[in-house]
Every structure is written in C-alpha cells, then in structure tokens.
C-alpha cells in the first residue's frame, strides 16, 4: 500500500525535482524526499524524529528517513515543515521519537 501511495506522489507534484546528495548535504527538504521517491528510492517503514531546542523556546524538527536503492542505503535528514507532516500522516510509516531510537 505504501509503495502505491509513494508512486502517486509524483503525479500530484509533477514539477518538483530537487537533487540531494547524502555525501555533501547534511539536511534535505520535503522536495528532496519527493524527488528521491520519484527516482526509485524506497523508504524504510520506520522514521525517526529528532527535536532540537534552542534556548528552550524554539524547536526544529528533523525527520530521519532511511532510503534505499539497489545496494545504496542513506539517512535522509529532512527538515520538518507542513508538507513533511502531511506526508507522514498520509502514509503508514512508524514515527519514533529519538529518545526511543538510536539515530
């Protein structure tokens, strides 16, 4: 089911194509995640959420997606935003807080 929903995303957003390289970029955006799916990368079912607090008042959410294609495995750290939140709620991924999982 998740594969079918992932395959439908490029038809919903056909004009998005944003390259990302795990070897040179620390963080990715939701557009990078969508491009990876469109280019044949598979996403592991477990997604790890890490929250980084600044001065105890401002929080940045980073979602760690393990992506795979052929024999390549990479951690795609995606900055949280409304698109990523919607993506996660509309797909059957298991969201795990960083305290409960090793990243």
N, C-alpha and C. Protein backbone atom coordinates (compact mmCIF):
# COMPACT_ATOMS: atom_id res chain seq x y z
N UNK A 1 0.82 -1.19 0.00
CA UNK A 1 0.00 0.00 0.00
C UNK A 1 0.87 1.26 0.00
N UNK A 2 1.90 1.27 0.85
CA UNK A 2 2.78 2.46 0.93
C UNK A 2 3.48 2.70 -0.40
N UNK A 3 3.89 1.62 -1.09
CA UNK A 3 4.55 1.79 -2.38
C UNK A 3 3.64 2.46 -3.39
N UNK A 4 2.35 2.08 -3.40
CA UNK A 4 1.41 2.69 -4.33
C UNK A 4 1.23 4.17 -4.01
N UNK A 5 1.09 4.51 -2.73
CA UNK A 5 0.93 5.91 -2.35
C UNK A 5 2.18 6.70 -2.69
N UNK A 6 3.36 6.12 -2.48
CA UNK A 6 4.60 6.80 -2.83
C UNK A 6 4.67 7.03 -4.33
N UNK A 7 4.23 6.04 -5.11
CA UNK A 7 4.26 6.18 -6.56
C UNK A 7 3.28 7.23 -7.05
N UNK A 8 2.21 7.51 -6.29
CA UNK A 8 1.23 8.51 -6.67
C UNK A 8 1.74 9.93 -6.45
N UNK A 9 2.72 10.11 -5.57
CA UNK A 9 3.19 11.46 -5.25
C UNK A 9 3.72 12.22 -6.46
N UNK A 10 4.52 11.62 -7.33
CA UNK A 10 5.00 12.39 -8.48
C UNK A 10 3.87 12.88 -9.39
N UNK A 11 2.74 12.17 -9.43
CA UNK A 11 1.64 12.66 -10.24
C UNK A 11 0.93 13.83 -9.57
N UNK A 12 0.98 13.91 -8.24
CA UNK A 12 0.39 15.03 -7.52
C UNK A 12 1.27 16.28 -7.63
N UNK A 13 2.58 16.09 -7.72
CA UNK A 13 3.53 17.19 -7.80
C UNK A 13 4.51 16.93 -8.95
N UNK A 14 4.04 16.98 -10.20
CA UNK A 14 4.90 16.57 -11.31
C UNK A 14 6.06 17.52 -11.61
N UNK A 15 6.00 18.74 -11.13
CA UNK A 15 7.03 19.72 -11.47
C UNK A 15 8.15 19.82 -10.44
N UNK A 16 8.12 18.99 -9.41
CA UNK A 16 9.14 19.06 -8.37
C UNK A 16 10.26 18.07 -8.71
N UNK A 17 11.47 18.58 -8.80
CA UNK A 17 12.64 17.75 -8.99
C UNK A 17 13.82 18.48 -8.37
N UNK A 18 14.25 18.01 -7.23
CA UNK A 18 15.30 18.69 -6.49
C UNK A 18 16.34 17.66 -6.07
N UNK A 19 17.54 17.77 -6.63
CA UNK A 19 18.62 16.82 -6.31
C UNK A 19 19.10 17.02 -4.88
N UNK A 20 19.45 15.91 -4.23
CA UNK A 20 20.05 15.92 -2.89
C UNK A 20 21.08 14.81 -2.85
N UNK A 21 22.21 15.07 -2.21
CA UNK A 21 23.27 14.07 -2.10
C UNK A 21 23.62 13.86 -0.64
N UNK A 22 23.52 12.61 -0.19
CA UNK A 22 23.84 12.30 1.21
C UNK A 22 25.31 12.52 1.51
N UNK A 23 26.14 12.55 0.48
CA UNK A 23 27.57 12.73 0.72
C UNK A 23 27.98 14.20 0.86
N UNK A 24 27.11 15.13 0.46
CA UNK A 24 27.51 16.53 0.52
C UNK A 24 26.51 17.46 1.20
N UNK A 25 25.31 16.98 1.50
CA UNK A 25 24.30 17.85 2.11
C UNK A 25 23.80 17.22 3.41
N UNK A 26 23.89 17.98 4.48
CA UNK A 26 23.51 17.44 5.79
C UNK A 26 21.99 17.28 5.93
N UNK A 27 21.24 18.25 5.42
CA UNK A 27 19.79 18.22 5.55
C UNK A 27 19.12 18.30 4.19
N UNK A 28 17.92 17.73 4.12
CA UNK A 28 17.12 17.76 2.90
C UNK A 28 15.78 18.41 3.21
N UNK A 29 15.08 18.75 2.16
CA UNK A 29 13.73 19.30 2.29
C UNK A 29 12.71 18.28 1.81
N UNK A 30 11.45 18.61 1.99
CA UNK A 30 10.39 17.73 1.52
C UNK A 30 10.46 17.49 0.03
N UNK A 31 10.90 18.51 -0.73
CA UNK A 31 11.02 18.34 -2.18
C UNK A 31 12.11 17.33 -2.53
N UNK A 32 13.16 17.28 -1.73
CA UNK A 32 14.21 16.28 -1.95
C UNK A 32 13.68 14.87 -1.70
N UNK A 33 12.87 14.72 -0.67
CA UNK A 33 12.27 13.41 -0.36
C UNK A 33 11.37 12.97 -1.51
N UNK A 34 10.55 13.86 -2.01
CA UNK A 34 9.65 13.54 -3.11
C UNK A 34 10.43 13.16 -4.36
N UNK A 35 11.51 13.88 -4.64
CA UNK A 35 12.34 13.56 -5.80
C UNK A 35 12.97 12.18 -5.65
N UNK A 36 13.45 11.85 -4.44
CA UNK A 36 14.05 10.53 -4.22
C UNK A 36 13.03 9.42 -4.49
N UNK A 37 11.81 9.60 -4.03
CA UNK A 37 10.76 8.61 -4.27
C UNK A 37 10.51 8.47 -5.77
N UNK A 38 10.42 9.59 -6.46
CA UNK A 38 10.18 9.58 -7.91
C UNK A 38 11.31 8.90 -8.66
N UNK A 39 12.52 8.96 -8.12
CA UNK A 39 13.68 8.36 -8.78
C UNK A 39 13.94 6.92 -8.35
N UNK A 40 13.00 6.32 -7.63
CA UNK A 40 13.09 4.90 -7.34
C UNK A 40 13.66 4.53 -5.99
N UNK A 41 13.88 5.49 -5.10
CA UNK A 41 14.36 5.17 -3.76
C UNK A 41 13.19 4.67 -2.93
N UNK A 42 13.42 3.64 -2.13
CA UNK A 42 12.41 3.12 -1.21
C UNK A 42 12.70 3.66 0.18
N UNK A 43 11.64 3.87 0.94
CA UNK A 43 11.78 4.40 2.30
C UNK A 43 11.46 3.28 3.29
N UNK A 44 12.35 3.09 4.27
CA UNK A 44 12.10 2.11 5.32
C UNK A 44 10.85 2.53 6.10
N UNK A 45 10.13 1.57 6.68
CA UNK A 45 8.87 1.90 7.35
C UNK A 45 9.01 2.72 8.64
N UNK A 46 10.19 2.72 9.25
CA UNK A 46 10.38 3.47 10.49
C UNK A 46 11.08 4.80 10.20
N UNK A 47 10.49 5.88 10.70
CA UNK A 47 11.04 7.22 10.55
C UNK A 47 11.33 7.75 11.95
N UNK A 48 12.52 8.27 12.15
CA UNK A 48 12.93 8.76 13.47
C UNK A 48 12.83 10.28 13.49
N UNK A 49 12.18 10.80 14.53
CA UNK A 49 12.03 12.24 14.72
C UNK A 49 12.97 12.71 15.81
N UNK A 50 13.79 13.71 15.49
CA UNK A 50 14.66 14.35 16.48
C UNK A 50 14.24 15.81 16.59
N UNK A 51 14.04 16.25 17.80
CA UNK A 51 13.71 17.67 18.04
C UNK A 51 14.92 18.35 18.64
N UNK A 52 15.28 19.48 18.06
CA UNK A 52 16.40 20.28 18.56
C UNK A 52 15.83 21.58 19.11
N UNK A 53 16.07 21.81 20.40
CA UNK A 53 15.56 23.01 21.07
C UNK A 53 16.66 24.06 21.18
N UNK A 54 16.30 25.28 20.94
CA UNK A 54 17.22 26.41 21.05
C UNK A 54 16.69 27.34 22.13
N UNK A 55 17.49 27.52 23.17
CA UNK A 55 17.15 28.36 24.32
C UNK A 55 15.84 27.92 24.97
N UNK A 56 15.45 26.69 24.77
CA UNK A 56 14.24 26.16 25.39
C UNK A 56 12.96 26.74 24.84
N UNK A 57 13.06 27.56 23.79
CA UNK A 57 11.86 28.22 23.29
C UNK A 57 11.53 27.87 21.84
N UNK A 58 12.52 27.57 21.05
CA UNK A 58 12.29 27.34 19.62
C UNK A 58 12.74 25.92 19.28
N UNK A 59 11.90 25.23 18.55
CA UNK A 59 12.16 23.83 18.23
C UNK A 59 12.26 23.64 16.72
N UNK A 60 13.23 22.85 16.30
CA UNK A 60 13.35 22.44 14.91
C UNK A 60 13.20 20.92 14.89
N UNK A 61 12.32 20.44 14.04
CA UNK A 61 12.10 19.00 13.92
C UNK A 61 12.86 18.49 12.70
N UNK A 62 13.58 17.40 12.90
CA UNK A 62 14.31 16.75 11.81
C UNK A 62 13.87 15.29 11.76
N UNK A 63 13.38 14.90 10.60
CA UNK A 63 12.90 13.54 10.39
C UNK A 63 13.98 12.75 9.65
N UNK A 64 14.36 11.62 10.20
CA UNK A 64 15.39 10.78 9.59
C UNK A 64 14.72 9.63 8.84
N UNK A 65 14.78 9.70 7.51
CA UNK A 65 14.26 8.66 6.64
C UNK A 65 15.44 7.81 6.17
N UNK A 66 15.33 6.50 6.31
CA UNK A 66 16.32 5.61 5.72
C UNK A 66 15.83 5.29 4.33
N UNK A 67 16.63 5.69 3.34
CA UNK A 67 16.24 5.45 1.95
C UNK A 67 17.18 4.42 1.33
N UNK A 68 16.63 3.62 0.41
CA UNK A 68 17.40 2.54 -0.21
C UNK A 68 17.11 2.47 -1.71
N UNK A 69 18.17 2.20 -2.45
CA UNK A 69 18.04 1.91 -3.88
C UNK A 69 19.21 1.03 -4.27
N UNK A 70 18.91 -0.11 -4.85
CA UNK A 70 19.93 -1.12 -5.19
C UNK A 70 20.70 -1.45 -3.92
N UNK A 71 22.01 -1.29 -3.91
CA UNK A 71 22.80 -1.62 -2.72
C UNK A 71 23.21 -0.38 -1.93
N UNK A 72 22.59 0.76 -2.21
CA UNK A 72 22.92 2.01 -1.51
C UNK A 72 21.86 2.29 -0.44
N UNK A 73 22.33 2.57 0.77
CA UNK A 73 21.45 2.93 1.88
C UNK A 73 21.93 4.27 2.42
N UNK A 74 21.00 5.20 2.65
CA UNK A 74 21.37 6.52 3.16
C UNK A 74 20.36 7.00 4.18
N UNK A 75 20.83 7.85 5.09
CA UNK A 75 19.96 8.52 6.04
C UNK A 75 19.66 9.90 5.45
N UNK A 76 18.39 10.13 5.13
CA UNK A 76 17.97 11.44 4.62
C UNK A 76 17.34 12.19 5.79
N UNK A 77 18.06 13.18 6.30
CA UNK A 77 17.57 14.00 7.40
C UNK A 77 16.77 15.15 6.80
N UNK A 78 15.45 15.11 6.97
CA UNK A 78 14.55 16.07 6.33
C UNK A 78 14.06 17.06 7.37
N UNK A 79 14.22 18.35 7.07
CA UNK A 79 13.74 19.40 7.96
C UNK A 79 12.22 19.38 7.99
N UNK A 80 11.67 19.46 9.20
CA UNK A 80 10.22 19.42 9.35
C UNK A 80 9.55 20.66 8.78
N UNK A 81 8.43 20.45 8.13
CA UNK A 81 7.59 21.54 7.62
C UNK A 81 6.20 20.96 7.38
N UNK A 82 5.21 21.77 7.04
CA UNK A 82 3.86 21.23 6.86
C UNK A 82 3.76 20.13 5.80
N UNK A 83 4.54 20.22 4.73
CA UNK A 83 4.49 19.17 3.71
C UNK A 83 4.93 17.82 4.29
N UNK A 84 6.03 17.83 5.04
CA UNK A 84 6.55 16.58 5.61
C UNK A 84 5.55 16.02 6.62
N UNK A 85 4.94 16.87 7.41
CA UNK A 85 3.93 16.43 8.37
C UNK A 85 2.76 15.77 7.64
N UNK A 86 2.28 16.39 6.57
CA UNK A 86 1.17 15.82 5.79
C UNK A 86 1.59 14.51 5.15
N UNK A 87 2.81 14.44 4.62
CA UNK A 87 3.32 13.22 4.02
C UNK A 87 3.28 12.07 5.03
N UNK A 88 3.75 12.34 6.24
CA UNK A 88 3.81 11.28 7.26
C UNK A 88 2.43 10.85 7.74
N UNK A 89 1.48 11.78 7.82
CA UNK A 89 0.14 11.40 8.27
C UNK A 89 -0.64 10.66 7.20
N UNK A 90 -0.25 10.80 5.93
CA UNK A 90 -0.99 10.14 4.86
C UNK A 90 -0.33 8.83 4.41
N UNK A 91 0.73 8.41 5.08
CA UNK A 91 1.42 7.17 4.74
C UNK A 91 1.63 6.34 6.01
N UNK A 92 1.69 5.02 5.87
CA UNK A 92 1.76 4.15 7.05
C UNK A 92 3.19 3.96 7.59
N UNK A 93 3.86 5.06 7.89
CA UNK A 93 5.19 4.95 8.49
C UNK A 93 5.06 4.95 10.00
N UNK A 94 6.01 4.29 10.65
CA UNK A 94 6.06 4.28 12.11
C UNK A 94 6.99 5.42 12.53
N UNK A 95 6.43 6.41 13.19
CA UNK A 95 7.20 7.56 13.67
C UNK A 95 7.70 7.27 15.08
N UNK A 96 9.02 7.32 15.26
CA UNK A 96 9.64 7.01 16.54
C UNK A 96 10.42 8.24 17.01
N UNK A 97 10.18 8.64 18.25
CA UNK A 97 10.94 9.77 18.83
C UNK A 97 12.38 9.35 19.04
N UNK A 98 13.30 10.27 18.90
CA UNK A 98 14.75 9.97 19.00
C UNK A 98 15.11 9.37 20.35
N UNK A 99 14.42 9.73 21.43
CA UNK A 99 14.74 9.18 22.74
C UNK A 99 14.50 7.67 22.77
N UNK A 100 13.57 7.19 21.93
CA UNK A 100 13.24 5.78 21.93
C UNK A 100 13.98 5.00 20.85
N UNK A 101 14.81 5.69 20.05
CA UNK A 101 15.51 5.00 18.96
C UNK A 101 16.91 5.58 18.80
N UNK A 102 17.81 4.74 18.38
CA UNK A 102 19.18 5.22 18.10
C UNK A 102 19.23 5.76 16.69
N UNK A 103 19.81 6.93 16.54
CA UNK A 103 19.93 7.56 15.21
C UNK A 103 21.38 7.63 14.85
